[in-house]
Amino acid sequence: MTATPAPEIIPEIRPGRGGARPGAGRKPKSPDATDPYSILAKAKAKNESYKAELTLLEYRQRVGELIPKDEVAAAWAENIAIAKGRLLALPSRVSGEVLRLKTQREVEEAIKAAIVTILEELAGGQAA
């Protein structure tokens, strides 16, 4: 028996329109950064976010959780001025006591004790 070759299968070609070309047709809508409606929506969302933050900050200020930065700066300046004045007065404050001391260690302890006293007064909020 002789083998007969299988007949070739040729696709049938039909006359017609030819189908859609690749890339043809209306493009699907995608969010575009230059779209005026999306720009407006983003701006409104940002505005609402800022309004919510501002409302929260105003509330926290009213209940006493926040204070104005000018008040904080003024309080720090006052505390620094007090500390500066007390530290500059330290030599005249301890000089009489230091003259009576005989060793370097006693002088160091007297000065250290005076500094600790000043720091404790400042930490306790005593302004004199």
C-alpha atoms as a PDB file:
ATOM      1  CA  MET A   1       0.000   0.000   0.000  1.00  0.00           C
ATOM      2  CA  THR A   2       1.247   3.239  -0.889  1.00  0.00           C
ATOM      3  CA  ALA A   3       0.657   6.100   1.412  1.00  0.00           C
ATOM      4  CA  THR A   4      -1.135   9.006  -0.022  1.00  0.00           C
ATOM      5  CA  PRO A   5      -0.163  12.346   1.241  1.00  0.00           C
ATOM      6  CA  ALA A   6      -2.732  14.159   3.347  1.00  0.00           C
ATOM      7  CA  PRO A   7      -4.482  16.914   1.506  1.00  0.00           C
ATOM      8  CA  GLU A   8      -3.381  20.394   2.469  1.00  0.00           C
ATOM      9  CA  ILE A   9      -5.923  22.402   4.359  1.00  0.00           C
ATOM     10  CA  ILE A  10      -6.178  25.855   2.935  1.00  0.00           C
ATOM     11  CA  PRO A  11      -8.232  28.398   4.825  1.00  0.00           C
ATOM     12  CA  GLU A  12     -11.184  29.626   2.956  1.00  0.00           C
ATOM     13  CA  ILE A  13     -10.836  33.186   1.812  1.00  0.00           C
ATOM     14  CA  ARG A  14     -14.074  35.053   1.761  1.00  0.00           C
ATOM     15  CA  PRO A  15     -14.613  38.372   0.182  1.00  0.00           C
ATOM     16  CA  GLY A  16     -15.818  41.052   2.615  1.00  0.00           C
ATOM     17  CA  ARG A  17     -14.922  44.132   4.529  1.00  0.00           C
ATOM     18  CA  GLY A  18     -11.624  42.931   5.884  1.00  0.00           C
ATOM     19  CA  GLY A  19     -12.242  43.542   9.609  1.00  0.00           C
ATOM     20  CA  ALA A  20     -11.032  46.256  11.919  1.00  0.00           C
ATOM     21  CA  ARG A  21      -7.578  47.657  11.571  1.00  0.00           C
ATOM     22  CA  PRO A  22      -5.382  47.479  14.641  1.00  0.00           C
ATOM     23  CA  GLY A  23      -5.755  50.702  16.666  1.00  0.00           C
ATOM     24  CA  ALA A  24      -8.821  51.830  14.782  1.00  0.00           C
ATOM     25  CA  GLY A  25     -11.987  53.038  16.436  1.00  0.00           C
ATOM     26  CA  ARG A  26     -12.884  55.246  19.366  1.00  0.00           C
ATOM     27  CA  LYS A  27     -10.411  55.163  22.212  1.00  0.00           C
ATOM     28  CA  PRO A  28     -11.707  54.246  25.661  1.00  0.00           C
ATOM     29  CA  LYS A  29     -11.897  57.139  28.109  1.00  0.00           C
ATOM     30  CA  SER A  30      -9.142  57.144  30.670  1.00  0.00           C
ATOM     31  CA  PRO A  31      -8.577  59.643  33.438  1.00  0.00           C
ATOM     32  CA  ASP A  32      -6.499  62.393  31.960  1.00  0.00           C
ATOM     33  CA  ALA A  33      -4.542  64.915  34.011  1.00  0.00           C
ATOM     34  CA  THR A  34      -5.395  67.654  31.538  1.00  0.00           C
ATOM     35  CA  ASP A  35      -9.124  66.975  31.581  1.00  0.00           C
ATOM     36  CA  PRO A  36     -10.802  70.113  33.021  1.00  0.00           C
ATOM     37  CA  TYR A  37     -13.317  68.083  35.006  1.00  0.00           C
ATOM     38  CA  SER A  38     -10.663  65.978  36.703  1.00  0.00           C
ATOM     39  CA  ILE A  39      -8.602  69.094  37.453  1.00  0.00           C
ATOM     40  CA  LEU A  40     -11.650  70.728  39.036  1.00  0.00           C
ATOM     41  CA  ALA A  41     -12.468  67.603  41.044  1.00  0.00           C
ATOM     42  CA  LYS A  42      -8.901  67.391  42.361  1.00  0.00           C
ATOM     43  CA  ALA A  43      -8.922  71.082  43.301  1.00  0.00           C
ATOM     44  CA  LYS A  44     -12.225  70.712  45.153  1.00  0.00           C
ATOM     45  CA  ALA A  45     -10.946  67.653  47.019  1.00  0.00           C
ATOM     46  CA  LYS A  46      -7.771  69.501  48.007  1.00  0.00           C
ATOM     47  CA  ASN A  47      -9.795  72.510  49.162  1.00  0.00           C
ATOM     48  CA  GLU A  48     -12.047  70.314  51.319  1.00  0.00           C
ATOM     49  CA  SER A  49      -8.999  68.621  52.817  1.00  0.00           C
ATOM     50  CA  TYR A  50      -7.494  71.994  53.773  1.00  0.00           C
ATOM     51  CA  LYS A  51     -10.796  73.149  55.248  1.00  0.00           C
ATOM     52  CA  ALA A  52     -10.976  70.009  57.402  1.00  0.00           C
ATOM     53  CA  GLU A  53      -7.393  70.515  58.642  1.00  0.00           C
ATOM     54  CA  LEU A  54      -8.072  74.167  59.454  1.00  0.00           C
ATOM     55  CA  THR A  55     -11.238  73.264  61.346  1.00  0.00           C
ATOM     56  CA  LEU A  56      -9.313  70.666  63.365  1.00  0.00           C
ATOM     57  CA  LEU A  57      -6.553  73.154  64.191  1.00  0.00           C
ATOM     58  CA  GLU A  58      -9.088  75.793  65.280  1.00  0.00           C
ATOM     59  CA  TYR A  59     -10.805  73.241  67.505  1.00  0.00           C
ATOM     60  CA  ARG A  60      -7.504  72.156  69.092  1.00  0.00           C
ATOM     61  CA  GLN A  61      -6.630  75.806  69.733  1.00  0.00           C
ATOM     62  CA  ARG A  62      -9.989  76.449  71.419  1.00  0.00           C
ATOM     63  CA  VAL A  63      -9.660  73.470  73.748  1.00  0.00           C
ATOM     64  CA  GLY A  64      -6.140  74.552  74.719  1.00  0.00           C
ATOM     65  CA  GLU A  65      -4.086  71.893  72.946  1.00  0.00           C
ATOM     66  CA  LEU A  66      -2.354  74.499  70.746  1.00  0.00           C
ATOM     67  CA  ILE A  67      -0.997  77.938  71.520  1.00  0.00           C
ATOM     68  CA  PRO A  68       0.212  80.645  69.111  1.00  0.00           C
ATOM     69  CA  LYS A  69       3.887  80.468  68.226  1.00  0.00           C
ATOM     70  CA  ASP A  70       4.365  84.138  69.185  1.00  0.00           C
ATOM     71  CA  GLU A  71       3.396  83.322  72.782  1.00  0.00           C
ATOM     72  CA  VAL A  72       5.815  80.370  72.850  1.00  0.00           C
ATOM     73  CA  ALA A  73       8.640  82.511  71.485  1.00  0.00           C
ATOM     74  CA  ALA A  74       7.955  85.246  74.040  1.00  0.00           C
ATOM     75  CA  ALA A  75       7.924  82.729  76.912  1.00  0.00           C
ATOM     76  CA  TRP A  76      11.231  81.210  75.760  1.00  0.00           C
ATOM     77  CA  ALA A  77      12.829  84.646  75.428  1.00  0.00           C
ATOM     78  CA  GLU A  78      11.705  85.524  78.950  1.00  0.00           C
ATOM     79  CA  ASN A  79      13.055  82.255  80.396  1.00  0.00           C
ATOM     80  CA  ILE A  80      16.385  82.693  78.634  1.00  0.00           C
ATOM     81  CA  ALA A  81      16.694  86.259  79.926  1.00  0.00           C
ATOM     82  CA  ILE A  82      16.018  85.062  83.474  1.00  0.00           C
ATOM     83  CA  ALA A  83      18.587  82.255  83.148  1.00  0.00           C
ATOM     84  CA  LYS A  84      21.155  84.657  81.711  1.00  0.00           C
ATOM     85  CA  GLY A  85      20.647  87.136  84.553  1.00  0.00           C
ATOM     86  CA  ARG A  86      20.974  84.489  87.240  1.00  0.00           C
ATOM     87  CA  LEU A  87      24.073  82.926  85.704  1.00  0.00           C
ATOM     88  CA  LEU A  88      25.742  86.316  85.291  1.00  0.00           C
ATOM     89  CA  ALA A  89      25.015  87.069  88.964  1.00  0.00           C
ATOM     90  CA  LEU A  90      26.620  83.801  90.038  1.00  0.00           C
ATOM     91  CA  PRO A  91      30.187  85.129  90.560  1.00  0.00           C
ATOM     92  CA  SER A  92      29.116  87.903  92.918  1.00  0.00           C
ATOM     93  CA  ARG A  93      26.779  85.483  94.680  1.00  0.00           C
ATOM     94  CA  VAL A  94      29.446  82.893  95.507  1.00  0.00           C
ATOM     95  CA  SER A  95      32.605  85.030  95.644  1.00  0.00           C
ATOM     96  CA  GLY A  96      32.324  85.732  99.363  1.00  0.00           C
ATOM     97  CA  GLU A  97      31.869  82.044 100.145  1.00  0.00           C
ATOM     98  CA  VAL A  98      34.698  80.973  97.810  1.00  0.00           C
ATOM     99  CA  LEU A  99      37.185  83.315  99.522  1.00  0.00           C
ATOM    100  CA  ARG A 100      36.723  81.463 102.802  1.00  0.00           C
ATOM    101  CA  LEU A 101      37.336  78.036 101.243  1.00  0.00           C
ATOM    102  CA  LYS A 102      40.782  76.500 101.318  1.00  0.00           C
ATOM    103  CA  THR A 103      40.889  73.748  98.686  1.00  0.00           C
ATOM    104  CA  GLN A 104      40.080  73.661  95.019  1.00  0.00           C
ATOM    105  CA  ARG A 105      37.583  70.861  95.612  1.00  0.00           C
ATOM    106  CA  GLU A 106      35.631  72.974  98.124  1.00  0.00           C
ATOM    107  CA  VAL A 107      35.517  75.863  95.619  1.00  0.00           C
ATOM    108  CA  GLU A 108      34.248  73.541  92.858  1.00  0.00           C
ATOM    109  CA  GLU A 109      31.559  72.117  95.160  1.00  0.00           C
ATOM    110  CA  ALA A 110      30.406  75.601  96.186  1.00  0.00           C
ATOM    111  CA  ILE A 111      30.142  76.755  92.571  1.00  0.00           C
ATOM    112  CA  LYS A 112      28.393  73.546  91.542  1.00  0.00           C
ATOM    113  CA  ALA A 113      25.911  73.875  94.424  1.00  0.00           C
ATOM    114  CA  ALA A 114      25.129  77.463  93.372  1.00  0.00           C
ATOM    115  CA  ILE A 115      24.576  76.361  89.743  1.00  0.00           C
ATOM    116  CA  VAL A 116      22.307  73.507  90.850  1.00  0.00           C
ATOM    117  CA  THR A 117      20.294  75.951  92.969  1.00  0.00           C
ATOM    118  CA  ILE A 118      19.837  78.257  89.972  1.00  0.00           C
ATOM    119  CA  LEU A 119      18.813  75.361  87.725  1.00  0.00           C
ATOM    120  CA  GLU A 120      16.299  74.078  90.272  1.00  0.00           C
ATOM    121  CA  GLU A 121      14.796  77.555  90.584  1.00  0.00           C
ATOM    122  CA  LEU A 122      14.507  77.808  86.802  1.00  0.00           C
ATOM    123  CA  ALA A 123      12.995  74.329  86.531  1.00  0.00           C
ATOM    124  CA  GLY A 124      10.471  75.161  89.258  1.00  0.00           C
ATOM    125  CA  GLY A 125       9.380  78.267  87.346  1.00  0.00           C
ATOM    126  CA  GLN A 126      10.431  80.699  90.057  1.00  0.00           C
ATOM    127  CA  ALA A 127      11.158  84.050  88.477  1.00  0.00           C
ATOM    128  CA  ALA A 128      12.615  86.567  90.879  1.00  0.00           C
END
